[in-house]
Protein backbone atom coordinates (compact mmCIF):
# COMPACT_ATOMS: atom_id res chain seq x y z
CA UNK A 1 16.86 61.09 -19.53
CA UNK A 2 14.89 59.32 -16.81
CA UNK A 3 13.41 61.58 -14.12
CA UNK A 4 13.88 59.41 -11.03
CA UNK A 5 12.32 62.06 -8.76
CA UNK A 6 9.10 61.89 -10.80
CA UNK A 7 9.12 58.09 -10.56
CA UNK A 8 9.55 58.32 -6.76
CA UNK A 9 6.69 60.79 -6.55
CA UNK A 10 4.45 58.38 -8.48
CA UNK A 11 5.46 55.49 -6.20
CA UNK A 12 4.62 57.52 -3.09
CA UNK A 13 1.28 58.52 -4.58
CA UNK A 14 0.53 54.85 -5.31
CA UNK A 15 1.01 54.07 -1.60
CA UNK A 16 -1.98 56.24 -0.65
CA UNK A 17 -4.32 56.47 -3.64
CA UNK A 18 -5.23 52.91 -4.55
CA UNK A 19 -8.56 53.20 -6.36
CA UNK A 20 -9.85 49.73 -5.40
CA UNK A 21 -9.46 50.33 -1.67
CA UNK A 22 -11.97 52.04 0.61
CA UNK A 23 -9.25 54.00 2.44
CA UNK A 24 -6.74 54.42 -0.42
CA UNK A 25 -4.20 52.01 1.08
CA UNK A 26 -3.46 49.06 -1.19
CA UNK A 27 -4.47 45.69 0.30
CA UNK A 28 -1.08 44.15 -0.51
CA UNK A 29 0.53 46.70 1.82
CA UNK A 30 -1.56 45.38 4.68
CA UNK A 31 -0.94 41.74 5.64
CA UNK A 32 -3.97 41.53 7.96
CA UNK A 33 -6.64 41.42 5.26
CA UNK A 34 -8.25 38.01 4.74
CA UNK A 35 -6.71 37.72 1.26
CA UNK A 36 -3.20 38.58 2.43
CA UNK A 37 -3.17 36.50 5.63
CA UNK A 38 -2.60 33.24 3.74
CA UNK A 39 0.74 34.59 2.53
CA UNK A 40 2.11 35.19 6.04
CA UNK A 41 3.08 33.33 9.19
CA UNK A 42 1.91 34.98 12.42
CA UNK A 43 3.45 34.60 15.87
CA UNK A 44 1.99 35.84 19.15
CA UNK A 45 4.65 37.86 21.02
CA UNK A 46 2.50 38.69 24.04
CA UNK A 47 -0.17 41.03 25.30
CA UNK A 48 0.30 44.78 25.85
CA UNK A 49 -1.63 47.99 26.35
CA UNK A 50 -1.56 50.40 23.41
CA UNK A 51 -3.42 53.72 23.58
CA UNK A 52 -5.37 52.46 26.60
CA UNK A 53 -6.49 49.27 24.84
CA UNK A 54 -5.58 45.69 25.71
CA UNK A 55 -3.92 44.24 22.61
CA UNK A 56 -2.30 41.10 21.26
CA UNK A 57 1.26 41.83 20.08
CA UNK A 58 1.75 39.81 16.88
CA UNK A 59 4.75 39.41 14.55
CA UNK A 60 4.35 38.43 10.90
CA UNK A 61 6.65 37.39 8.06
CA UNK A 62 6.23 35.82 4.60
CA UNK A 63 5.22 32.17 4.59
CA UNK A 64 7.87 29.75 3.25
CA UNK A 65 7.71 28.19 -0.19
CA UNK A 66 4.99 25.67 -0.91
CA UNK A 67 3.29 24.58 -4.15
CA UNK A 68 0.19 26.70 -3.51
CA UNK A 69 2.07 29.74 -2.27
CA UNK A 70 3.48 32.66 -4.26
CA UNK A 71 6.37 33.99 -2.20
CA UNK A 72 7.00 36.99 -4.46
CA UNK A 73 3.68 38.53 -3.42
CA UNK A 74 4.47 38.66 0.31
CA UNK A 75 6.73 41.67 0.63
CA UNK A 76 6.51 42.60 4.30
CA UNK A 77 7.58 41.54 7.75
CA UNK A 78 6.65 43.39 10.88
CA UNK A 79 4.50 43.63 13.97
CA UNK A 80 0.90 44.45 14.75
CA UNK A 81 -1.05 45.25 17.89
CA UNK A 82 -4.57 43.82 17.67
CA UNK A 83 -7.37 44.99 19.98
CA UNK A 84 -8.34 42.00 22.15
CA UNK A 85 -12.04 42.89 22.34
CA UNK A 86 -12.71 44.05 18.78
CA UNK A 87 -10.00 42.03 16.94
CA UNK A 88 -9.13 45.18 14.99
CA UNK A 89 -5.58 46.41 14.33
CA UNK A 90 -4.53 49.33 16.53
CA UNK A 91 -0.99 49.74 15.21
CA UNK A 92 0.97 48.04 12.42
CA UNK A 93 4.63 48.51 11.47
CA UNK A 94 6.34 46.86 8.53
CA UNK A 95 9.71 46.49 6.92
CA UNK A 96 10.65 45.00 3.55
CA UNK A 97 10.95 41.24 4.03
CA UNK A 98 13.81 40.75 1.58
CA UNK A 99 16.76 42.85 0.47
CA UNK A 100 17.50 43.89 -3.09
CA UNK A 101 19.68 41.08 -4.51
CA UNK A 102 23.42 41.54 -4.02
CA UNK A 103 24.09 41.34 -7.77
CA UNK A 104 21.84 44.35 -8.44
CA UNK A 105 23.37 46.31 -5.57
CA UNK A 106 26.95 45.57 -6.69
CA UNK A 107 26.67 45.68 -10.48
CA UNK A 108 24.18 48.51 -10.90
CA UNK A 109 24.74 50.48 -7.71
CA UNK A 110 21.04 50.31 -7.02
CA UNK A 111 19.45 49.65 -3.65
CA UNK A 112 16.32 50.29 -1.57
CA UNK A 113 16.67 50.40 2.21
CA UNK A 114 14.49 51.29 5.16
CA UNK A 115 11.40 50.45 3.12
CA UNK A 116 8.42 50.14 5.40
CA UNK A 117 5.47 51.93 6.88
CA UNK A 118 3.54 52.50 10.08
CA UNK A 119 -0.22 52.57 10.21
CA UNK A 120 -2.42 53.32 13.23
CA UNK A 121 -6.15 52.88 13.62
CA UNK A 122 -8.71 54.24 16.04
CA UNK A 123 -12.27 53.31 16.89
CA UNK A 124 -14.18 56.46 15.99
CA UNK A 125 -17.57 55.02 16.96
CA UNK A 126 -18.77 51.67 18.30
CA UNK A 127 -17.45 49.09 15.84
CA UNK A 128 -16.20 51.67 13.31
CA UNK A 129 -12.39 51.62 12.95
CA UNK A 130 -10.57 53.97 10.59
CA UNK A 131 -6.91 54.61 9.80
CA UNK A 132 -5.79 57.75 11.65
CA UNK A 133 -2.15 57.92 10.62
CA UNK A 134 0.04 56.42 7.94
CA UNK A 135 3.69 57.06 7.33
CA UNK A 136 6.78 55.61 5.80
CA UNK A 137 10.27 56.35 4.62
CA UNK A 138 12.73 54.69 2.31
CA UNK A 139 16.15 55.36 0.86
CA UNK A 140 16.80 54.97 -2.85
CA UNK A 141 20.21 54.62 -4.41
CA UNK A 142 20.31 54.26 -8.19
CA UNK A 143 23.17 53.92 -10.62
CA UNK A 144 25.96 54.94 -8.19
CA UNK A 145 25.02 58.63 -8.50
CA UNK A 146 21.45 59.06 -7.32
CA UNK A 147 20.73 59.02 -3.60
CA UNK A 148 17.41 60.13 -2.08
CA UNK A 149 15.26 59.67 0.99
CA UNK A 150 11.53 59.60 0.31
CA UNK A 151 8.99 60.05 3.09
CA UNK A 152 5.24 60.07 3.36
CA UNK A 153 3.05 61.09 6.27
CA UNK A 154 -0.73 61.25 6.41
CA UNK A 155 -3.07 62.05 9.28
CA UNK A 156 -6.86 61.65 9.35
CA UNK A 157 -8.78 63.40 12.11
CA UNK A 158 -12.08 64.97 13.11
CA UNK A 159 -14.19 62.05 11.91
CA UNK A 160 -17.93 62.64 12.23
CA UNK A 161 -20.85 60.40 11.51
CA UNK A 162 -23.17 61.83 8.91
CA UNK A 163 -26.88 61.12 8.96
CA UNK A 164 -28.78 61.39 5.72
CA UNK A 165 -32.56 61.37 5.35
CA UNK A 166 -33.91 61.35 1.80
CA UNK A 167 -37.39 61.28 0.37
CA UNK A 168 -38.46 60.77 -3.22
CA UNK A 169 -41.81 62.24 -4.28
CA UNK A 170 -43.41 61.73 -7.61
CA UNK A 171 -45.57 64.39 -9.16
CA UNK A 172 -49.03 63.29 -10.25
CA UNK A 173 -50.15 63.37 -13.92
C-alpha cells in the first residue's frame, strides 16, 4: 500500500532542503533568478512601500509557447515587491500557474489546490539580503478517498556577521 502521508512529507522536505541552493530553496521555486526569468513574463503593477522600503510591485506568469521556450518548467504565477534602491526582492507570493487537468481530476479523483508559497527577505547588513520567512500550504485529494492539507512554515532570525581570522604557521625542520 502506498503511504501518501510519507510522500507528502518528502515533498515538503524537498521545498526547503535543496542541496544545490545556498539557502535550501530550489531555484525553480523562485522565478526571479537569472535562469528562471526567461521563462516568465513580468508586468509592473505600481510602486508601494513594504516594510518601510520603496518597492516596485511586479506580477509574473509563465511565458507563452515559443520554439525556444519550455512551458512545462514554468510552474508559478504571482507577485513580487522589489526594493527600488537595491533591486532585491522584499516579498514574493506565488500560486500554481496551471490546474491539474480535468481528466485526472474527474477520472482519478486526484487534485492539488492552493499550491503556492510566500517568501520574504530582509537586508541584514549593507548589501546582504537573506530569506527571513518562507511558508506555503496546499490541499491534496487523491483517489476519491484521501484528502489532506499540507503546510510548511519557516522563520530565520538573529542573523549575525561572523569574522574569522586564521593564521597558518609551519614548524621548522
